[in-house]
Amino acid sequence: MNNEQFEFMFDTVLTDVVNQTYSTLSLPSKEQIQISMKKMMDIIEANHRWNTGNER
C-alpha cells in the first residue's frame, strides 16, 4: 500500500468516525450564538469597569 492509498483510507475512516460521533449533535442557532456572545461581552465589560474602579 503506498502513502496516498493510506492517506485516503485514513481520511475516509476518520470522516466516517466523525460523522457517526457527531451527526446527532445539534449545533446552536445563529441567534443562540449571538446571545451567548453578548452575555460574554457584558461580563467582560462589567469586569473591566470593576477592575478599573479598584485601581484608583
N, C-alpha and C. Protein backbone atom coordinates (compact mmCIF):
# COMPACT_ATOMS: atom_id res chain seq x y z
N MET A 1 0.86 -1.18 0.00
CA MET A 1 0.00 0.00 0.00
C MET A 1 0.90 1.24 0.00
N ASN A 2 0.67 2.13 -0.96
CA ASN A 2 1.50 3.33 -0.99
C ASN A 2 0.93 4.40 -0.05
N ASN A 3 1.68 5.46 0.08
CA ASN A 3 1.33 6.51 1.03
C ASN A 3 -0.01 7.18 0.69
N GLU A 4 -0.27 7.42 -0.59
CA GLU A 4 -1.52 8.06 -1.00
C GLU A 4 -2.73 7.20 -0.65
N GLN A 5 -2.61 5.89 -0.88
CA GLN A 5 -3.71 4.98 -0.54
C GLN A 5 -3.96 5.00 0.96
N PHE A 6 -2.88 4.99 1.73
CA PHE A 6 -3.02 5.01 3.18
C PHE A 6 -3.70 6.29 3.65
N GLU A 7 -3.26 7.43 3.10
CA GLU A 7 -3.84 8.72 3.48
C GLU A 7 -5.32 8.77 3.12
N PHE A 8 -5.66 8.27 1.94
CA PHE A 8 -7.07 8.25 1.53
C PHE A 8 -7.90 7.39 2.48
N MET A 9 -7.38 6.21 2.80
CA MET A 9 -8.08 5.30 3.70
C MET A 9 -8.24 5.95 5.08
N PHE A 10 -7.17 6.56 5.57
CA PHE A 10 -7.19 7.21 6.88
C PHE A 10 -8.23 8.33 6.90
N ASP A 11 -8.22 9.19 5.85
CA ASP A 11 -9.19 10.29 5.76
C ASP A 11 -10.62 9.77 5.71
N THR A 12 -10.84 8.71 4.95
CA THR A 12 -12.18 8.13 4.82
C THR A 12 -12.68 7.59 6.16
N VAL A 13 -11.83 6.84 6.83
CA VAL A 13 -12.22 6.26 8.12
C VAL A 13 -12.45 7.36 9.14
N LEU A 14 -11.55 8.34 9.17
CA LEU A 14 -11.69 9.44 10.12
C LEU A 14 -12.97 10.22 9.88
N THR A 15 -13.29 10.47 8.61
CA THR A 15 -14.52 11.17 8.27
C THR A 15 -15.74 10.39 8.74
N ASP A 16 -15.73 9.08 8.52
CA ASP A 16 -16.84 8.23 8.97
C ASP A 16 -16.99 8.27 10.48
N VAL A 17 -15.88 8.19 11.20
CA VAL A 17 -15.93 8.20 12.66
C VAL A 17 -16.49 9.53 13.16
N VAL A 18 -16.03 10.62 12.58
CA VAL A 18 -16.51 11.95 12.99
C VAL A 18 -18.01 12.07 12.69
N ASN A 19 -18.42 11.62 11.51
CA ASN A 19 -19.84 11.70 11.15
C ASN A 19 -20.70 10.87 12.09
N GLN A 20 -20.27 9.67 12.42
CA GLN A 20 -21.04 8.81 13.31
C GLN A 20 -21.08 9.38 14.72
N THR A 21 -19.98 9.99 15.15
CA THR A 21 -19.89 10.50 16.51
C THR A 21 -20.71 11.77 16.68
N TYR A 22 -20.63 12.67 15.71
CA TYR A 22 -21.22 14.00 15.88
C TYR A 22 -22.46 14.25 15.04
N SER A 23 -22.93 13.27 14.29
CA SER A 23 -24.08 13.52 13.42
C SER A 23 -25.35 13.84 14.21
N THR A 24 -25.46 13.34 15.43
CA THR A 24 -26.65 13.62 16.23
C THR A 24 -26.49 14.85 17.10
N LEU A 25 -25.31 15.47 17.05
CA LEU A 25 -25.06 16.65 17.87
C LEU A 25 -25.78 17.84 17.26
N SER A 26 -26.62 18.50 18.03
CA SER A 26 -27.31 19.67 17.49
C SER A 26 -26.49 20.92 17.82
N LEU A 27 -26.22 21.68 16.79
CA LEU A 27 -25.43 22.89 16.97
C LEU A 27 -26.36 24.05 17.32
N PRO A 28 -25.85 25.03 18.07
CA PRO A 28 -26.69 26.17 18.43
C PRO A 28 -27.02 27.02 17.19
N SER A 29 -28.15 27.67 17.24
CA SER A 29 -28.54 28.52 16.12
C SER A 29 -27.72 29.80 16.14
N LYS A 30 -27.79 30.53 15.05
CA LYS A 30 -27.07 31.81 14.94
C LYS A 30 -27.51 32.76 16.07
N GLU A 31 -28.81 32.78 16.35
CA GLU A 31 -29.33 33.66 17.40
C GLU A 31 -28.79 33.26 18.78
N GLN A 32 -28.74 31.95 19.05
CA GLN A 32 -28.22 31.48 20.34
C GLN A 32 -26.75 31.87 20.50
N ILE A 33 -25.99 31.77 19.43
CA ILE A 33 -24.57 32.15 19.48
C ILE A 33 -24.45 33.64 19.76
N GLN A 34 -25.26 34.46 19.09
CA GLN A 34 -25.19 35.91 19.29
C GLN A 34 -25.57 36.28 20.72
N ILE A 35 -26.59 35.63 21.29
CA ILE A 35 -26.99 35.89 22.67
C ILE A 35 -25.86 35.53 23.62
N SER A 36 -25.24 34.38 23.41
CA SER A 36 -24.13 33.95 24.26
C SER A 36 -22.96 34.92 24.17
N MET A 37 -22.65 35.37 22.97
CA MET A 37 -21.53 36.31 22.80
C MET A 37 -21.84 37.64 23.48
N LYS A 38 -23.10 38.09 23.39
CA LYS A 38 -23.48 39.35 24.04
C LYS A 38 -23.34 39.21 25.55
N LYS A 39 -23.80 38.09 26.11
CA LYS A 39 -23.66 37.86 27.55
C LYS A 39 -22.19 37.88 27.95
N MET A 40 -21.36 37.22 27.15
CA MET A 40 -19.93 37.16 27.46
C MET A 40 -19.32 38.56 27.42
N MET A 41 -19.68 39.36 26.41
CA MET A 41 -19.15 40.72 26.32
C MET A 41 -19.64 41.57 27.50
N ASP A 42 -20.88 41.40 27.91
CA ASP A 42 -21.40 42.13 29.07
C ASP A 42 -20.60 41.80 30.32
N ILE A 43 -20.28 40.52 30.50
CA ILE A 43 -19.49 40.09 31.67
C ILE A 43 -18.09 40.70 31.61
N ILE A 44 -17.47 40.65 30.42
CA ILE A 44 -16.12 41.21 30.26
C ILE A 44 -16.13 42.71 30.55
N GLU A 45 -17.13 43.43 30.02
CA GLU A 45 -17.21 44.87 30.25
C GLU A 45 -17.46 45.18 31.72
N ALA A 46 -18.31 44.41 32.38
CA ALA A 46 -18.58 44.62 33.80
C ALA A 46 -17.32 44.37 34.62
N ASN A 47 -16.58 43.33 34.30
CA ASN A 47 -15.32 43.04 35.00
C ASN A 47 -14.30 44.15 34.76
N HIS A 48 -14.27 44.66 33.54
CA HIS A 48 -13.32 45.73 33.22
C HIS A 48 -13.65 46.99 34.03
N ARG A 49 -14.94 47.34 34.11
CA ARG A 49 -15.35 48.52 34.89
C ARG A 49 -15.01 48.32 36.36
N TRP A 50 -15.26 47.10 36.87
CA TRP A 50 -14.98 46.80 38.27
C TRP A 50 -13.47 46.90 38.53
N ASN A 51 -12.66 46.34 37.64
CA ASN A 51 -11.20 46.39 37.79
C ASN A 51 -10.69 47.82 37.70
N THR A 52 -11.24 48.60 36.77
CA THR A 52 -10.82 49.99 36.60
C THR A 52 -11.16 50.79 37.85
N GLY A 53 -12.32 50.53 38.43
CA GLY A 53 -12.73 51.23 39.64
C GLY A 53 -11.85 50.90 40.83
N ASN A 54 -11.31 49.71 40.90
CA ASN A 54 -10.47 49.29 42.03
C ASN A 54 -9.05 49.81 41.95
N GLU A 55 -8.63 50.24 40.77
CA GLU A 55 -7.23 50.67 40.61
C GLU A 55 -6.98 52.06 41.16
N ARG A 56 -8.02 52.83 41.40
CA ARG A 56 -7.84 54.21 41.86
C ARG A 56 -7.58 54.28 43.33
